[in-house]
Amino acid sequence: MIKVQVRPNEPLETALRRFKRQCNYAGIFRLAKKYAYFEKESDKNRREEREKIRNIQRAQRKMDDRGGRGRSRRKSKVKGGRQGKDDASEDTSITASTDR
């Protein structure tokens, strides 16, 4: 059972916020949602399987980021939005030579 004592000169809103935070940490909201409706066993198994897969994928992403590869995937910022301007000039010269 969660108890929150209102401190002297403390607004009721802050005490209520502390109460909600303690309820959240204790998992009361999660339990209330869990027992709010009936869940079939097959649906429960399906949901738990999805959660396991999601947790595994999250752990793999976390391991990839620790390896230093997470930052290398980002595109580098280049003025004009194109990385290789030399490549673009070569492409135009090739098109010009094929038009002849």
N, C-alpha and C. Protein backbone atom coordinates (compact mmCIF):
# COMPACT_ATOMS: atom_id res chain seq x y z
N MET A 1 0.84 -1.17 0.00
CA MET A 1 0.00 0.00 0.00
C MET A 1 0.89 1.24 0.00
N ILE A 2 0.58 2.16 -0.87
CA ILE A 2 1.40 3.36 -1.03
C ILE A 2 0.79 4.49 -0.23
N LYS A 3 1.65 5.15 0.56
CA LYS A 3 1.20 6.30 1.34
C LYS A 3 2.08 7.48 1.01
N VAL A 4 1.45 8.63 0.85
CA VAL A 4 2.17 9.87 0.60
C VAL A 4 1.70 10.89 1.60
N GLN A 5 2.63 11.41 2.37
CA GLN A 5 2.28 12.44 3.34
C GLN A 5 2.51 13.81 2.70
N VAL A 6 1.53 14.65 2.81
CA VAL A 6 1.65 16.00 2.27
C VAL A 6 2.52 16.81 3.21
N ARG A 7 3.57 17.37 2.68
CA ARG A 7 4.51 18.15 3.49
C ARG A 7 3.90 19.52 3.79
N PRO A 8 4.37 20.15 4.83
CA PRO A 8 3.84 21.49 5.12
C PRO A 8 4.16 22.46 3.98
N ASN A 9 3.19 23.28 3.65
CA ASN A 9 3.30 24.28 2.58
C ASN A 9 3.54 23.65 1.21
N GLU A 10 3.12 22.39 1.03
CA GLU A 10 3.27 21.73 -0.26
C GLU A 10 1.92 21.73 -0.98
N PRO A 11 1.88 22.12 -2.23
CA PRO A 11 0.61 22.08 -2.96
C PRO A 11 0.14 20.64 -3.13
N LEU A 12 -1.15 20.48 -3.22
CA LEU A 12 -1.74 19.16 -3.37
C LEU A 12 -1.33 18.52 -4.69
N GLU A 13 -1.12 19.33 -5.74
CA GLU A 13 -0.75 18.80 -7.05
C GLU A 13 0.60 18.09 -7.01
N THR A 14 1.56 18.65 -6.26
CA THR A 14 2.87 18.00 -6.19
C THR A 14 2.81 16.71 -5.39
N ALA A 15 1.98 16.67 -4.35
CA ALA A 15 1.80 15.43 -3.59
C ALA A 15 1.14 14.36 -4.46
N LEU A 16 0.17 14.80 -5.26
CA LEU A 16 -0.49 13.86 -6.17
C LEU A 16 0.48 13.34 -7.21
N ARG A 17 1.37 14.22 -7.70
CA ARG A 17 2.38 13.80 -8.66
C ARG A 17 3.32 12.77 -8.05
N ARG A 18 3.72 12.99 -6.79
CA ARG A 18 4.58 12.00 -6.10
C ARG A 18 3.86 10.68 -5.95
N PHE A 19 2.56 10.74 -5.62
CA PHE A 19 1.78 9.52 -5.46
C PHE A 19 1.71 8.74 -6.78
N LYS A 20 1.45 9.44 -7.87
CA LYS A 20 1.38 8.78 -9.18
C LYS A 20 2.72 8.16 -9.55
N ARG A 21 3.81 8.87 -9.26
CA ARG A 21 5.14 8.35 -9.57
C ARG A 21 5.42 7.08 -8.78
N GLN A 22 5.05 7.07 -7.50
CA GLN A 22 5.27 5.88 -6.68
C GLN A 22 4.40 4.71 -7.16
N CYS A 23 3.19 5.01 -7.59
CA CYS A 23 2.33 3.96 -8.14
C CYS A 23 2.94 3.38 -9.41
N ASN A 24 3.50 4.25 -10.22
CA ASN A 24 4.12 3.80 -11.46
C ASN A 24 5.33 2.93 -11.18
N TYR A 25 6.18 3.33 -10.23
CA TYR A 25 7.35 2.55 -9.88
C TYR A 25 6.96 1.19 -9.28
N ALA A 26 5.89 1.16 -8.51
CA ALA A 26 5.46 -0.09 -7.88
C ALA A 26 4.78 -1.04 -8.87
N GLY A 27 4.39 -0.52 -10.04
CA GLY A 27 3.75 -1.35 -11.05
C GLY A 27 2.26 -1.51 -10.86
N ILE A 28 1.64 -0.64 -10.12
CA ILE A 28 0.21 -0.75 -9.85
C ILE A 28 -0.60 -0.51 -11.12
N PHE A 29 -0.18 0.48 -11.92
CA PHE A 29 -0.91 0.78 -13.15
C PHE A 29 -0.82 -0.40 -14.11
N ARG A 30 0.34 -1.03 -14.18
CA ARG A 30 0.53 -2.18 -15.06
C ARG A 30 -0.38 -3.33 -14.65
N LEU A 31 -0.46 -3.58 -13.34
CA LEU A 31 -1.33 -4.65 -12.85
C LEU A 31 -2.79 -4.33 -13.10
N ALA A 32 -3.17 -3.08 -12.92
CA ALA A 32 -4.57 -2.70 -13.15
C ALA A 32 -4.95 -2.91 -14.61
N LYS A 33 -4.05 -2.55 -15.52
CA LYS A 33 -4.33 -2.75 -16.94
C LYS A 33 -4.36 -4.23 -17.29
N LYS A 34 -3.49 -5.01 -16.63
CA LYS A 34 -3.42 -6.44 -16.91
C LYS A 34 -4.72 -7.15 -16.55
N TYR A 35 -5.30 -6.77 -15.43
CA TYR A 35 -6.51 -7.44 -14.97
C TYR A 35 -7.78 -6.71 -15.37
N ALA A 36 -7.69 -5.69 -16.18
CA ALA A 36 -8.87 -4.93 -16.58
C ALA A 36 -9.74 -5.72 -17.55
N TYR A 37 -9.15 -6.64 -18.30
CA TYR A 37 -9.91 -7.43 -19.27
C TYR A 37 -9.30 -8.82 -19.36
N PHE A 38 -10.07 -9.76 -19.89
CA PHE A 38 -9.61 -11.13 -20.03
C PHE A 38 -8.83 -11.27 -21.32
N GLU A 39 -7.70 -11.97 -21.25
CA GLU A 39 -6.89 -12.21 -22.43
C GLU A 39 -6.80 -13.71 -22.66
N LYS A 40 -7.15 -14.13 -23.86
CA LYS A 40 -7.08 -15.55 -24.17
C LYS A 40 -5.64 -16.03 -24.07
N GLU A 41 -5.47 -17.31 -23.80
CA GLU A 41 -4.13 -17.88 -23.65
C GLU A 41 -3.33 -17.76 -24.95
N SER A 42 -3.98 -17.99 -26.09
CA SER A 42 -3.26 -17.89 -27.37
C SER A 42 -2.82 -16.45 -27.63
N ASP A 43 -3.68 -15.48 -27.30
CA ASP A 43 -3.30 -14.08 -27.47
C ASP A 43 -2.16 -13.70 -26.54
N LYS A 44 -2.20 -14.24 -25.33
CA LYS A 44 -1.15 -13.97 -24.36
C LYS A 44 0.19 -14.51 -24.86
N ASN A 45 0.17 -15.75 -25.37
CA ASN A 45 1.40 -16.36 -25.88
C ASN A 45 1.95 -15.57 -27.07
N ARG A 46 1.06 -15.12 -27.96
CA ARG A 46 1.46 -14.34 -29.12
C ARG A 46 2.10 -13.01 -28.70
N ARG A 47 1.48 -12.35 -27.73
CA ARG A 47 1.99 -11.08 -27.24
C ARG A 47 3.36 -11.26 -26.57
N GLU A 48 3.48 -12.29 -25.75
CA GLU A 48 4.75 -12.54 -25.07
C GLU A 48 5.86 -12.87 -26.07
N GLU A 49 5.53 -13.61 -27.12
CA GLU A 49 6.51 -13.93 -28.15
C GLU A 49 6.99 -12.66 -28.86
N ARG A 50 6.05 -11.76 -29.17
CA ARG A 50 6.42 -10.49 -29.80
C ARG A 50 7.32 -9.67 -28.88
N GLU A 51 7.00 -9.68 -27.57
CA GLU A 51 7.82 -8.94 -26.62
C GLU A 51 9.23 -9.51 -26.53
N LYS A 52 9.36 -10.84 -26.58
CA LYS A 52 10.68 -11.46 -26.54
C LYS A 52 11.50 -11.05 -27.76
N ILE A 53 10.86 -11.09 -28.93
CA ILE A 53 11.55 -10.71 -30.17
C ILE A 53 11.97 -9.25 -30.10
N ARG A 54 11.08 -8.38 -29.62
CA ARG A 54 11.39 -6.97 -29.51
C ARG A 54 12.57 -6.73 -28.57
N ASN A 55 12.60 -7.46 -27.45
CA ASN A 55 13.70 -7.30 -26.50
C ASN A 55 15.02 -7.78 -27.09
N ILE A 56 14.98 -8.86 -27.85
CA ILE A 56 16.20 -9.38 -28.49
C ILE A 56 16.71 -8.37 -29.51
N GLN A 57 15.81 -7.82 -30.33
CA GLN A 57 16.22 -6.84 -31.33
C GLN A 57 16.78 -5.59 -30.68
N ARG A 58 16.17 -5.16 -29.59
CA ARG A 58 16.66 -3.97 -28.88
C ARG A 58 18.06 -4.22 -28.33
N ALA A 59 18.29 -5.43 -27.78
CA ALA A 59 19.60 -5.76 -27.24
C ALA A 59 20.65 -5.81 -28.36
N GLN A 60 20.27 -6.32 -29.53
CA GLN A 60 21.20 -6.38 -30.65
C GLN A 60 21.56 -4.97 -31.13
N ARG A 61 20.55 -4.09 -31.21
CA ARG A 61 20.83 -2.71 -31.62
C ARG A 61 21.75 -2.03 -30.63
N LYS A 62 21.55 -2.31 -29.34
CA LYS A 62 22.38 -1.71 -28.31
C LYS A 62 23.82 -2.20 -28.45
N MET A 63 24.00 -3.49 -28.75
CA MET A 63 25.34 -4.03 -28.92
C MET A 63 26.00 -3.44 -30.16
N ASP A 64 25.25 -3.23 -31.24
CA ASP A 64 25.80 -2.62 -32.45
C ASP A 64 26.25 -1.20 -32.18
N ASP A 65 25.49 -0.46 -31.41
CA ASP A 65 25.85 0.92 -31.10
C ASP A 65 27.10 0.97 -30.24
N ARG A 66 27.29 0.02 -29.38
CA ARG A 66 28.48 0.00 -28.53
C ARG A 66 29.72 -0.31 -29.35
N GLY A 67 29.56 -1.01 -30.45
CA GLY A 67 30.69 -1.36 -31.30
C GLY A 67 31.24 -0.18 -32.07
N GLY A 68 30.56 0.96 -32.01
CA GLY A 68 31.03 2.14 -32.71
C GLY A 68 30.48 2.26 -34.11
N ARG A 69 29.72 1.28 -34.55
CA ARG A 69 29.19 1.33 -35.90
C ARG A 69 27.93 2.16 -35.97
N GLY A 70 27.34 2.48 -34.84
CA GLY A 70 26.09 3.22 -34.85
C GLY A 70 26.24 4.62 -35.42
N ARG A 71 27.36 5.26 -35.16
CA ARG A 71 27.57 6.62 -35.65
C ARG A 71 28.02 6.63 -37.10
N SER A 72 28.65 5.57 -37.57
CA SER A 72 29.16 5.58 -38.93
C SER A 72 28.05 5.44 -39.97
N ARG A 73 26.88 5.05 -39.55
CA ARG A 73 25.77 4.90 -40.48
C ARG A 73 25.18 6.25 -40.89
N ARG A 74 25.44 7.29 -40.11
CA ARG A 74 24.86 8.59 -40.42
C ARG A 74 25.50 9.17 -41.66
N LYS A 75 24.70 9.90 -42.42
CA LYS A 75 25.22 10.56 -43.62
C LYS A 75 25.97 11.80 -43.20
N SER A 76 27.08 12.04 -43.86
CA SER A 76 27.83 13.25 -43.55
C SER A 76 27.18 14.43 -44.23
N LYS A 77 27.25 15.57 -43.58
CA LYS A 77 26.64 16.77 -44.14
C LYS A 77 27.63 17.43 -45.09
N VAL A 78 27.20 17.61 -46.32
CA VAL A 78 28.03 18.26 -47.33
C VAL A 78 27.21 19.41 -47.90
N LYS A 79 27.86 20.52 -48.13
CA LYS A 79 27.16 21.69 -48.67
C LYS A 79 26.61 21.35 -50.05
N GLY A 80 25.36 21.65 -50.25
CA GLY A 80 24.73 21.36 -51.53
C GLY A 80 23.96 20.05 -51.52
N GLY A 81 24.13 19.24 -50.50
CA GLY A 81 23.35 18.02 -50.38
C GLY A 81 23.93 16.83 -51.12
N ARG A 82 25.00 16.99 -51.91
CA ARG A 82 25.59 15.86 -52.62
C ARG A 82 26.99 15.64 -52.08
N GLN A 83 27.36 14.39 -51.96
CA GLN A 83 28.67 14.09 -51.41
C GLN A 83 29.76 14.20 -52.47
N GLY A 84 29.53 13.70 -53.66
CA GLY A 84 30.57 13.69 -54.68
C GLY A 84 30.21 14.55 -55.86
N LYS A 85 30.68 15.77 -55.91
CA LYS A 85 30.39 16.63 -57.06
C LYS A 85 31.19 16.19 -58.27
N ASP A 86 32.34 15.57 -58.03
CA ASP A 86 33.15 15.08 -59.15
C ASP A 86 32.41 14.00 -59.91
N ASP A 87 31.67 13.14 -59.20
CA ASP A 87 30.90 12.09 -59.84
C ASP A 87 29.84 12.68 -60.75
N ALA A 88 29.21 13.77 -60.33
CA ALA A 88 28.17 14.40 -61.13
C ALA A 88 28.74 14.98 -62.41
N SER A 89 29.93 15.58 -62.34
CA SER A 89 30.52 16.17 -63.53
C SER A 89 30.94 15.08 -64.51
N GLU A 90 31.39 13.93 -64.01
CA GLU A 90 31.73 12.82 -64.89
C GLU A 90 30.50 12.30 -65.60
N ASP A 91 29.37 12.24 -64.90
CA ASP A 91 28.15 11.75 -65.51
C ASP A 91 27.71 12.64 -66.66
N THR A 92 27.83 13.97 -66.52
CA THR A 92 27.41 14.87 -67.59
C THR A 92 28.32 14.76 -68.79
N SER A 93 29.60 14.54 -68.53
CA SER A 93 30.53 14.41 -69.67
C SER A 93 30.26 13.13 -70.44
N ILE A 94 29.86 12.09 -69.75
CA ILE A 94 29.54 10.84 -70.42
C ILE A 94 28.29 11.00 -71.28
N THR A 95 27.31 11.71 -70.76
CA THR A 95 26.08 11.92 -71.53
C THR A 95 26.36 12.78 -72.74
N ALA A 96 27.24 13.75 -72.59
CA ALA A 96 27.57 14.63 -73.72
C ALA A 96 28.29 13.83 -74.80
N SER A 97 29.13 12.90 -74.42
CA SER A 97 29.86 12.13 -75.41
C SER A 97 28.95 11.13 -76.12
N THR A 98 27.91 10.65 -75.49
CA THR A 98 27.00 9.71 -76.13
C THR A 98 26.03 10.40 -77.07
N ASP A 99 25.83 11.73 -76.91
CA ASP A 99 24.90 12.46 -77.78
C ASP A 99 25.49 12.67 -79.19
N ARG A 100 26.76 12.60 -79.35
CA ARG A 100 27.40 12.87 -80.64
C ARG A 100 27.10 11.83 -81.65
